[in-house]
Amino acid sequence: MVSLTFYFENKWFTGIPFYYHQTNILIHMLTCAALIGFVLLAFRSRRLALLSGLIFAVQPAQVSAVSWIGGRTDSLCALLVILFAYALVLGVRASGIKRVGWIIASTAAFFLAAVTKEQIVALLPLVPFALKAFGSDDAKPDFKTYARLTAPYVLATVIFAALWLLYNTPLKALVQTPAMQMATAGQTAIYYTLLFVAPSGKWMHTLSLGSLKAVGWPCAVCGLILLCIYLAGACLLIRRNPKMGWILSFSALALLPVSNLIPLPSLLVAPYRAGVAGLGVAVLFAWIGLKLGRHLFLAVGGTAFLFWCSWLTIWGADQWKDPVTLFTRITIEDPYSIIARRNLGSYLLRIGKSQQSIYQMKTILGMLYRSDAWQQPQTAYQAFLTNNALGRRVVENQGNDVKPEGWLGELFSQLGFAEAKTNDFAA
């Protein structure tokens, strides 16, 4: 779907970036409007609907998905997912031919969302749950009713999976020991919680778990405890308030594929990966805010939080004005991000700032090797052959569509060109 939008834009705009950015902003605006409509339909509360839309509009987690042209994968997916949810609620509340029509529309939106971003297939369990959460209070659906409702979405998922396997080569995941995988999942839970609950420039520009890994096991354990609290809260909410339980399940399932509970093939975390989950988070925050807003102190705190998010969104969007500004900001906020330093080093070399480029590339090699072994060719090569963690660190940050030795080879070559430009031929 994203490729299709770029195809038409290339026809109309001939590669002028300004217009691609306007498309992203328009998509975000439409998503805000669709979210307001969905919440109004599902909860019949104008206050909740408008506050949900406002929170989502200025949610710092959405900045990279909207400001980055390539982030359209997530912003377009968010729009399609909320349309899927909107039509689904209309479908479970209708009957006869109207129900059929709305379910077909919802299934179509679900499939288009999947071919925009594959993690959306994890939302499939929301379909039968919607019958309980948003259906008629008098109705008591049986197994056949649940099965008939879910069948079109299962078929759409099967078709998507078949196409994905036919036209895509799956990347190998970053396999590690179960204990290390659980630790990574705990750190990931902490990261996405901070991104939404305590947003800041740091979490908006984090592309690695380095800062949280530096804290050690306490951070991982706290994250796993947090996951258990979320699970318990979801179970309680599903029983007491099925509608809000559905919203919480929406956010959890949207984050599940990128939670690192199962190994990922590339970047462990990124703010734009939480873009779709941010829809549900916005509704939950609005609901909690209206519940607590009766108290003056809490109302003032909530208003201050909204102003803070608005400022972060304006400031964060400005960081995307050019590559040097963006990647410099990421290296400041997330000094462990190898991909940001690599991109910054490449661009600095391109614009003739060779010394600064050399510094970034040497810093990367020091972070990867964690010693001076990279400074001598034979030693560098032997360290790569014997130290499995070195290759893992490359893939963890850069992805594995290029083999670690190929990626390292390119980095050493680029460093060599940068040193040649400074006439340091011995180096």
Protein backbone atom coordinates (compact mmCIF):
# COMPACT_ATOMS: atom_id res chain seq x y z
CA MET A 1 0.00 0.00 0.00
CA VAL A 2 2.81 2.42 0.88
CA SER A 3 4.62 1.62 -2.36
CA LEU A 4 1.41 2.34 -4.24
CA THR A 5 1.07 5.79 -2.66
CA PHE A 6 4.70 6.57 -3.51
CA TYR A 7 4.15 5.39 -7.09
CA PHE A 8 1.37 7.92 -7.67
CA GLU A 9 3.23 10.66 -5.83
CA ASN A 10 6.28 10.11 -8.02
CA LYS A 11 4.00 10.58 -11.04
CA TRP A 12 2.46 13.77 -9.68
CA PHE A 13 5.22 15.37 -7.58
CA THR A 14 8.37 14.13 -9.39
CA GLY A 15 10.31 13.60 -6.19
CA ILE A 16 9.80 17.02 -4.51
CA PRO A 17 9.88 16.09 -0.78
CA PHE A 18 7.54 18.91 0.34
CA TYR A 19 4.48 17.26 -1.21
CA TYR A 20 5.23 13.84 0.28
CA HIS A 21 5.31 15.47 3.71
CA GLN A 22 1.91 17.07 3.07
CA THR A 23 0.51 13.62 2.27
CA ASN A 24 1.79 12.30 5.61
CA ILE A 25 0.24 15.23 7.48
CA LEU A 26 -3.07 14.69 5.67
CA ILE A 27 -3.03 10.99 6.63
CA HIS A 28 -2.43 11.92 10.28
CA MET A 29 -5.29 14.43 10.22
CA LEU A 30 -7.64 11.85 8.70
CA THR A 31 -6.60 9.33 11.35
CA CYS A 32 -7.38 11.83 14.13
CA ALA A 33 -10.82 12.45 12.60
CA ALA A 34 -11.47 8.71 12.17
CA LEU A 35 -10.43 8.06 15.79
CA ILE A 36 -12.88 10.72 17.01
CA GLY A 37 -15.62 9.10 14.92
CA PHE A 38 -14.78 5.61 16.19
CA VAL A 39 -14.78 6.61 19.86
CA LEU A 40 -18.04 8.54 19.44
CA LEU A 41 -19.60 5.48 17.80
CA ALA A 42 -18.25 2.98 20.32
CA PHE A 43 -18.72 4.94 23.56
CA ARG A 44 -21.31 7.60 22.63
CA SER A 45 -19.32 10.27 24.46
CA ARG A 46 -18.35 13.47 22.70
CA ARG A 47 -15.94 14.47 25.46
CA LEU A 48 -14.12 11.15 25.31
CA ALA A 49 -14.05 11.24 21.50
CA LEU A 50 -12.65 14.77 21.21
CA LEU A 51 -10.08 14.26 23.98
CA SER A 52 -8.93 10.98 22.39
CA GLY A 53 -8.43 12.71 19.06
CA LEU A 54 -6.55 15.59 20.69
CA ILE A 55 -4.21 13.28 22.60
CA PHE A 56 -3.47 11.24 19.49
CA ALA A 57 -2.90 14.40 17.41
CA VAL A 58 -0.07 15.59 19.68
CA GLN A 59 1.24 12.18 20.79
CA PRO A 60 5.06 12.38 20.62
CA ALA A 61 5.23 8.73 19.53
CA GLN A 62 3.60 9.78 16.23
CA VAL A 63 6.27 12.36 15.29
CA SER A 64 8.64 10.00 13.48
CA ALA A 65 5.74 8.23 11.73
CA VAL A 66 4.51 11.55 10.30
CA SER A 67 7.66 13.68 9.93
CA TRP A 68 9.64 10.91 8.21
CA ILE A 69 8.35 10.24 4.69
CA GLY A 70 9.21 6.54 5.12
CA GLY A 71 7.21 6.55 8.36
CA ARG A 72 4.08 6.44 6.21
CA THR A 73 4.16 2.68 6.77
CA ASP A 74 2.97 3.36 10.31
CA SER A 75 0.81 6.46 9.80
CA LEU A 76 -1.11 4.93 6.87
CA CYS A 77 -1.48 1.69 8.79
CA ALA A 78 -2.98 3.59 11.75
CA LEU A 79 -5.60 5.13 9.45
CA LEU A 80 -6.55 1.77 7.93
CA VAL A 81 -6.69 0.08 11.33
CA ILE A 82 -9.07 2.64 12.81
CA LEU A 83 -11.28 2.26 9.72
CA PHE A 84 -11.22 -1.52 10.30
CA ALA A 85 -12.32 -0.96 13.92
CA TYR A 86 -15.01 1.58 12.96
CA ALA A 87 -16.62 -0.72 10.40
CA LEU A 88 -16.27 -3.70 12.76
CA VAL A 89 -18.28 -1.96 15.50
CA LEU A 90 -20.95 -0.98 12.99
CA GLY A 91 -21.01 -4.59 11.78
CA VAL A 92 -21.49 -6.23 15.18
CA ARG A 93 -24.31 -3.76 15.97
CA ALA A 94 -26.13 -4.29 12.67
CA SER A 95 -28.02 -7.28 11.34
CA GLY A 96 -28.89 -8.82 8.01
CA ILE A 97 -27.47 -7.31 4.84
CA LYS A 98 -26.13 -4.26 6.69
CA ARG A 99 -23.99 -6.47 8.90
CA VAL A 100 -22.61 -8.26 5.85
CA GLY A 101 -21.74 -4.95 4.18
CA TRP A 102 -19.97 -3.50 7.20
CA ILE A 103 -18.03 -6.72 7.87
CA ILE A 104 -16.87 -6.80 4.22
CA ALA A 105 -15.71 -3.18 4.56
CA SER A 106 -13.97 -3.95 7.86
CA THR A 107 -12.26 -7.03 6.40
CA ALA A 108 -11.04 -5.01 3.42
CA ALA A 109 -9.56 -2.36 5.73
CA PHE A 110 -7.93 -5.11 7.84
CA PHE A 111 -6.33 -6.68 4.75
CA LEU A 112 -5.08 -3.32 3.44
CA ALA A 113 -3.63 -2.56 6.88
CA ALA A 114 -1.81 -5.91 6.82
CA VAL A 115 -0.26 -5.18 3.42
CA THR A 116 0.82 -1.85 4.85
CA LYS A 117 2.45 -3.27 7.98
CA GLU A 118 2.46 -7.00 8.67
CA GLN A 119 2.29 -6.78 12.48
CA ILE A 120 -1.42 -5.92 12.12
CA VAL A 121 -2.36 -9.60 11.72
CA ALA A 122 -1.89 -9.79 15.51
CA LEU A 123 -5.14 -7.81 15.88
CA LEU A 124 -7.21 -10.77 14.64
CA PRO A 125 -8.41 -11.77 18.17
CA LEU A 126 -10.10 -8.37 18.46
CA VAL A 127 -12.77 -9.45 15.97
CA PRO A 128 -14.66 -12.00 18.12
CA PHE A 129 -13.98 -9.89 21.23
CA ALA A 130 -15.76 -6.94 19.54
CA LEU A 131 -18.99 -8.96 19.56
CA LYS A 132 -18.85 -9.13 23.36
CA ALA A 133 -17.60 -5.58 23.88
CA PHE A 134 -19.72 -3.62 21.40
CA GLY A 135 -22.60 -5.95 20.52
CA SER A 136 -26.12 -5.78 21.89
CA ASP A 137 -26.41 -6.25 25.65
CA ASP A 138 -29.35 -8.62 25.16
CA ALA A 139 -27.64 -10.85 22.61
CA LYS A 140 -25.81 -13.98 23.77
CA PRO A 141 -23.84 -15.14 20.71
CA ASP A 142 -22.95 -18.81 20.39
CA PHE A 143 -19.83 -20.37 18.89
CA LYS A 144 -21.25 -20.34 15.35
CA THR A 145 -21.91 -16.60 15.55
CA TYR A 146 -18.32 -15.95 16.64
CA ALA A 147 -17.02 -18.26 13.90
CA ARG A 148 -19.08 -16.62 11.14
CA LEU A 149 -17.93 -13.17 12.21
CA THR A 150 -14.25 -14.13 12.37
CA ALA A 151 -14.08 -16.30 9.22
CA PRO A 152 -13.64 -13.43 6.67
CA TYR A 153 -10.74 -11.98 8.69
CA VAL A 154 -9.09 -15.39 8.98
CA LEU A 155 -9.39 -15.80 5.20
CA ALA A 156 -7.86 -12.33 4.69
CA THR A 157 -4.99 -13.29 7.01
CA VAL A 158 -4.36 -16.53 5.12
CA ILE A 159 -4.31 -14.70 1.77
CA PHE A 160 -1.94 -12.10 3.21
CA ALA A 161 0.38 -14.78 4.64
CA ALA A 162 0.44 -16.63 1.30
CA LEU A 163 1.31 -13.45 -0.61
CA TRP A 164 3.92 -12.50 1.98
CA LEU A 165 5.67 -15.87 1.73
CA LEU A 166 5.42 -15.83 -2.07
CA TYR A 167 6.94 -12.39 -2.62
CA ASN A 168 9.11 -11.94 0.46
CA THR A 169 12.15 -13.73 1.89
CA PRO A 170 11.70 -13.87 5.69
CA LEU A 171 14.70 -12.56 7.61
CA LYS A 172 16.26 -14.73 10.29
CA ALA A 173 15.42 -13.62 13.82
CA LEU A 174 18.06 -12.70 16.41
CA VAL A 175 17.97 -15.89 18.45
CA GLN A 176 19.34 -15.73 22.00
CA THR A 177 18.92 -17.69 25.23
CA PRO A 178 15.43 -17.64 26.81
CA ALA A 179 16.72 -15.65 29.79
CA MET A 180 18.29 -13.01 27.54
CA GLN A 181 15.13 -12.86 25.40
CA MET A 182 12.97 -12.27 28.47
CA ALA A 183 15.37 -9.59 29.66
CA THR A 184 15.10 -7.88 26.26
CA ALA A 185 11.30 -8.09 26.47
CA GLY A 186 11.37 -6.48 29.91
CA GLN A 187 13.58 -3.64 28.71
CA THR A 188 11.30 -3.19 25.69
CA ALA A 189 8.25 -2.91 27.96
CA ILE A 190 10.01 -0.19 29.95
CA TYR A 191 10.90 1.69 26.75
CA TYR A 192 7.40 1.77 25.24
CA THR A 193 5.89 2.64 28.63
CA LEU A 194 8.23 5.62 28.97
CA LEU A 195 7.53 6.67 25.36
CA PHE A 196 3.82 7.03 26.14
CA VAL A 197 3.67 7.81 29.87
CA ALA A 198 6.78 9.97 30.24
CA PRO A 199 7.53 11.22 26.71
CA SER A 200 10.76 13.14 26.18
CA GLY A 201 13.27 13.96 23.49
CA LYS A 202 15.27 10.93 24.57
CA TRP A 203 12.54 8.34 24.05
CA MET A 204 11.39 10.00 20.81
CA HIS A 205 14.88 9.50 19.37
CA THR A 206 15.79 6.06 20.72
CA LEU A 207 16.70 3.32 18.25
CA SER A 208 18.43 0.87 20.58
CA LEU A 209 18.07 -0.61 24.05
CA GLY A 210 21.58 0.50 25.01
CA SER A 211 20.51 3.00 27.67
CA LEU A 212 18.22 0.48 29.36
CA LYS A 213 20.67 -2.39 29.02
CA ALA A 214 23.27 -0.23 30.76
CA VAL A 215 21.04 -0.28 33.86
CA GLY A 216 21.36 -4.06 33.94
CA TRP A 217 19.03 -6.77 35.21
CA PRO A 218 16.99 -4.53 37.56
CA CYS A 219 15.56 -2.76 34.51
CA ALA A 220 14.69 -6.05 32.82
CA VAL A 221 13.03 -7.43 35.97
CA CYS A 222 11.00 -4.24 36.47
CA GLY A 223 9.88 -4.48 32.85
CA LEU A 224 8.71 -8.08 33.29
CA ILE A 225 6.83 -7.10 36.46
CA LEU A 226 5.26 -4.28 34.47
CA LEU A 227 4.13 -6.77 31.81
CA CYS A 228 2.46 -8.88 34.51
CA ILE A 229 0.71 -5.78 35.90
CA TYR A 230 -0.54 -4.91 32.39
CA LEU A 231 -1.84 -8.44 31.91
CA ALA A 232 -3.64 -8.41 35.27
CA GLY A 233 -5.07 -4.96 34.52
CA ALA A 234 -6.30 -6.14 31.12
CA CYS A 235 -8.07 -9.14 32.65
CA LEU A 236 -9.72 -6.93 35.27
CA LEU A 237 -10.76 -4.31 32.72
CA ILE A 238 -12.16 -6.90 30.33
CA ARG A 239 -14.46 -8.17 33.10
CA ARG A 240 -15.55 -4.79 34.46
CA ASN A 241 -15.54 -2.65 31.33
CA PRO A 242 -15.40 -4.79 28.16
CA LYS A 243 -15.26 -1.75 25.86
CA MET A 244 -12.15 -0.35 27.53
CA GLY A 245 -10.82 -3.91 27.82
CA TRP A 246 -11.10 -4.11 24.03
CA ILE A 247 -9.17 -0.83 23.68
CA LEU A 248 -6.42 -2.03 26.04
CA SER A 249 -6.24 -5.35 24.14
CA PHE A 250 -5.95 -3.35 20.90
CA SER A 251 -2.83 -1.55 22.16
CA ALA A 252 -1.31 -4.71 23.62
CA LEU A 253 -1.82 -6.77 20.45
CA ALA A 254 -0.49 -3.94 18.25
CA LEU A 255 2.72 -3.94 20.30
CA LEU A 256 2.97 -7.72 20.74
CA PRO A 257 4.88 -8.46 17.48
CA VAL A 258 7.53 -5.82 18.37
CA SER A 259 7.64 -6.53 22.12
CA ASN A 260 10.72 -8.79 21.80
CA LEU A 261 8.89 -11.59 23.57
CA ILE A 262 9.82 -13.40 20.37
CA PRO A 263 13.08 -12.60 18.51
CA LEU A 264 13.03 -9.78 15.95
CA PRO A 265 15.22 -9.69 12.81
CA SER A 266 16.48 -6.11 13.20
CA LEU A 267 16.15 -2.96 15.33
CA LEU A 268 14.96 -3.95 18.80
CA VAL A 269 12.95 -0.77 19.41
CA ALA A 270 11.85 2.33 17.50
CA PRO A 271 9.23 4.98 18.35
CA TYR A 272 7.35 4.62 15.05
CA ARG A 273 6.71 0.94 15.80
CA ALA A 274 4.31 2.08 18.52
CA GLY A 275 2.35 4.31 16.12
CA VAL A 276 -0.68 2.03 15.74
CA ALA A 277 -0.75 1.14 19.44
CA GLY A 278 -0.87 4.88 20.12
CA LEU A 279 -4.51 4.91 18.94
CA GLY A 280 -5.59 2.75 21.84
CA VAL A 281 -3.27 4.50 24.28
CA ALA A 282 -4.86 7.85 23.37
CA VAL A 283 -8.34 6.51 24.16
CA LEU A 284 -7.16 4.99 27.47
CA PHE A 285 -5.46 8.24 28.49
CA ALA A 286 -8.59 10.23 27.60
CA TRP A 287 -10.78 7.84 29.62
CA ILE A 288 -8.48 8.00 32.66
CA GLY A 289 -8.21 11.78 32.29
CA LEU A 290 -11.99 12.24 32.34
CA LYS A 291 -12.28 9.91 35.33
CA LEU A 292 -9.65 11.80 37.33
CA GLY A 293 -10.29 15.25 35.88
CA ARG A 294 -12.94 15.99 38.49
CA HIS A 295 -10.09 16.78 40.90
CA LEU A 296 -8.56 20.20 40.23
CA PHE A 297 -4.97 19.12 40.88
CA LEU A 298 -5.21 16.15 38.52
CA ALA A 299 -6.99 18.24 35.88
CA VAL A 300 -4.15 20.79 35.96
CA GLY A 301 -1.62 17.96 35.71
CA GLY A 302 -3.42 16.46 32.73
CA THR A 303 -3.56 19.83 30.97
CA ALA A 304 0.15 20.35 31.59
CA PHE A 305 0.82 16.89 30.13
CA LEU A 306 -1.08 17.83 26.96
CA PHE A 307 0.88 21.07 26.61
CA TRP A 308 4.14 19.15 27.12
CA CYS A 309 3.19 16.64 24.42
CA SER A 310 2.24 19.49 22.07
CA TRP A 311 5.61 21.17 22.59
CA LEU A 312 7.46 17.87 22.08
CA THR A 313 5.58 17.30 18.82
CA ILE A 314 6.50 20.76 17.48
CA TRP A 315 10.11 20.45 18.65
CA GLY A 316 10.39 16.84 17.47
CA ALA A 317 9.08 17.62 13.98
CA ASP A 318 11.75 20.32 13.64
CA GLN A 319 14.48 17.73 14.29
CA TRP A 320 13.60 16.10 10.96
CA LYS A 321 14.43 19.18 8.87
CA ASP A 322 17.73 17.73 7.56
CA PRO A 323 19.85 14.57 8.02
CA VAL A 324 22.60 16.16 10.13
CA THR A 325 20.12 17.67 12.60
CA LEU A 326 18.16 14.43 12.92
CA PHE A 327 21.02 11.96 13.28
CA THR A 328 22.97 14.30 15.55
CA ARG A 329 19.91 14.49 17.79
CA ILE A 330 19.58 10.69 17.85
CA THR A 331 23.25 10.22 18.75
CA ILE A 332 22.81 12.74 21.59
CA GLU A 333 19.66 11.14 22.97
CA ASP A 334 20.66 7.55 22.19
CA PRO A 335 24.48 7.36 22.09
CA TYR A 336 24.25 3.56 21.68
CA SER A 337 22.44 3.79 18.32
CA ILE A 338 24.78 2.40 15.67
CA ILE A 339 22.40 2.97 12.77
CA ALA A 340 22.11 6.68 13.60
CA ARG A 341 25.89 7.11 13.80
CA ARG A 342 26.35 5.22 10.54
CA ASN A 343 23.83 7.42 8.73
CA LEU A 344 25.34 10.55 10.27
CA GLY A 345 28.87 9.46 9.30
CA SER A 346 27.80 8.70 5.72
CA TYR A 347 26.10 12.06 5.29
CA LEU A 348 28.96 14.02 6.86
CA LEU A 349 31.35 12.37 4.39
CA ARG A 350 29.00 13.21 1.53
CA ILE A 351 28.94 16.93 2.42
CA GLY A 352 32.72 17.11 2.88
CA LYS A 353 33.00 16.99 6.69
CA SER A 354 35.51 14.15 6.69
CA GLN A 355 36.96 14.58 10.17
CA GLN A 356 33.53 14.50 11.78
CA SER A 357 32.67 11.47 9.66
CA ILE A 358 35.84 9.67 10.80
CA TYR A 359 34.94 10.33 14.44
CA GLN A 360 31.48 8.79 14.04
CA MET A 361 32.77 5.68 12.24
CA LYS A 362 35.56 5.09 14.74
CA THR A 363 33.03 5.46 17.54
CA ILE A 364 30.86 2.80 15.90
CA LEU A 365 33.77 0.37 15.62
CA GLY A 366 34.72 0.95 19.24
CA MET A 367 31.13 0.26 20.31
CA LEU A 368 30.94 -2.92 18.21
CA TYR A 369 34.32 -4.41 19.10
CA ARG A 370 34.41 -2.98 22.66
CA SER A 371 38.19 -2.88 22.33
CA ASP A 372 40.92 -1.56 20.02
CA ALA A 373 40.96 -4.84 18.07
CA TRP A 374 39.43 -3.15 15.03
CA GLN A 375 42.53 -0.99 14.47
CA GLN A 376 44.62 -3.85 12.98
CA PRO A 377 43.27 -5.75 9.95
CA GLN A 378 44.16 -9.31 10.99
CA THR A 379 43.14 -8.74 14.61
CA ALA A 380 39.86 -7.19 13.50
CA TYR A 381 39.08 -10.16 11.26
CA GLN A 382 39.97 -12.77 13.90
CA ALA A 383 37.85 -10.96 16.48
CA PHE A 384 34.90 -11.11 14.10
CA LEU A 385 35.40 -14.86 13.53
CA THR A 386 35.68 -15.71 17.23
CA ASN A 387 33.31 -13.21 18.85
CA ASN A 388 29.69 -14.10 18.03
CA ALA A 389 28.45 -11.16 20.09
CA LEU A 390 30.13 -8.78 17.61
CA GLY A 391 28.05 -10.02 14.69
CA ARG A 392 24.96 -9.99 16.86
CA ARG A 393 25.52 -6.36 17.82
CA VAL A 394 25.69 -5.44 14.12
CA VAL A 395 22.45 -7.25 13.28
CA GLU A 396 20.67 -6.01 16.42
CA ASN A 397 21.15 -2.42 15.33
CA GLN A 398 21.33 -2.62 11.54
CA GLY A 399 19.19 -5.61 10.57
CA ASN A 400 20.26 -8.79 8.78
CA ASP A 401 19.33 -8.11 5.17
CA VAL A 402 23.12 -7.57 4.78
CA LYS A 403 25.49 -10.08 6.39
CA PRO A 404 27.45 -8.66 9.36
CA GLU A 405 30.81 -9.15 7.59
CA GLY A 406 29.51 -7.30 4.52
CA TRP A 407 28.20 -4.44 6.65
CA LEU A 408 31.50 -4.21 8.56
CA GLY A 409 33.43 -4.33 5.28
CA GLU A 410 31.44 -1.35 3.99
CA LEU A 411 32.07 0.54 7.21
CA PHE A 412 35.86 -0.05 7.05
CA SER A 413 35.87 0.97 3.38
CA GLN A 414 33.96 4.15 4.12
CA LEU A 415 36.37 4.96 6.94
CA GLY A 416 39.23 4.46 4.51
CA PHE A 417 37.73 6.90 2.00
CA ALA A 418 37.18 9.47 4.75
CA GLU A 419 40.82 9.16 5.90
CA ALA A 420 42.05 9.44 2.31
CA LYS A 421 40.11 12.70 1.96
CA THR A 422 42.10 14.07 4.91
CA ASN A 423 45.35 12.83 3.26
CA ASP A 424 45.93 10.36 6.12
CA PHE A 425 47.02 7.59 3.75
CA ALA A 426 48.81 5.56 6.45
CA ALA A 427 45.52 5.25 8.30
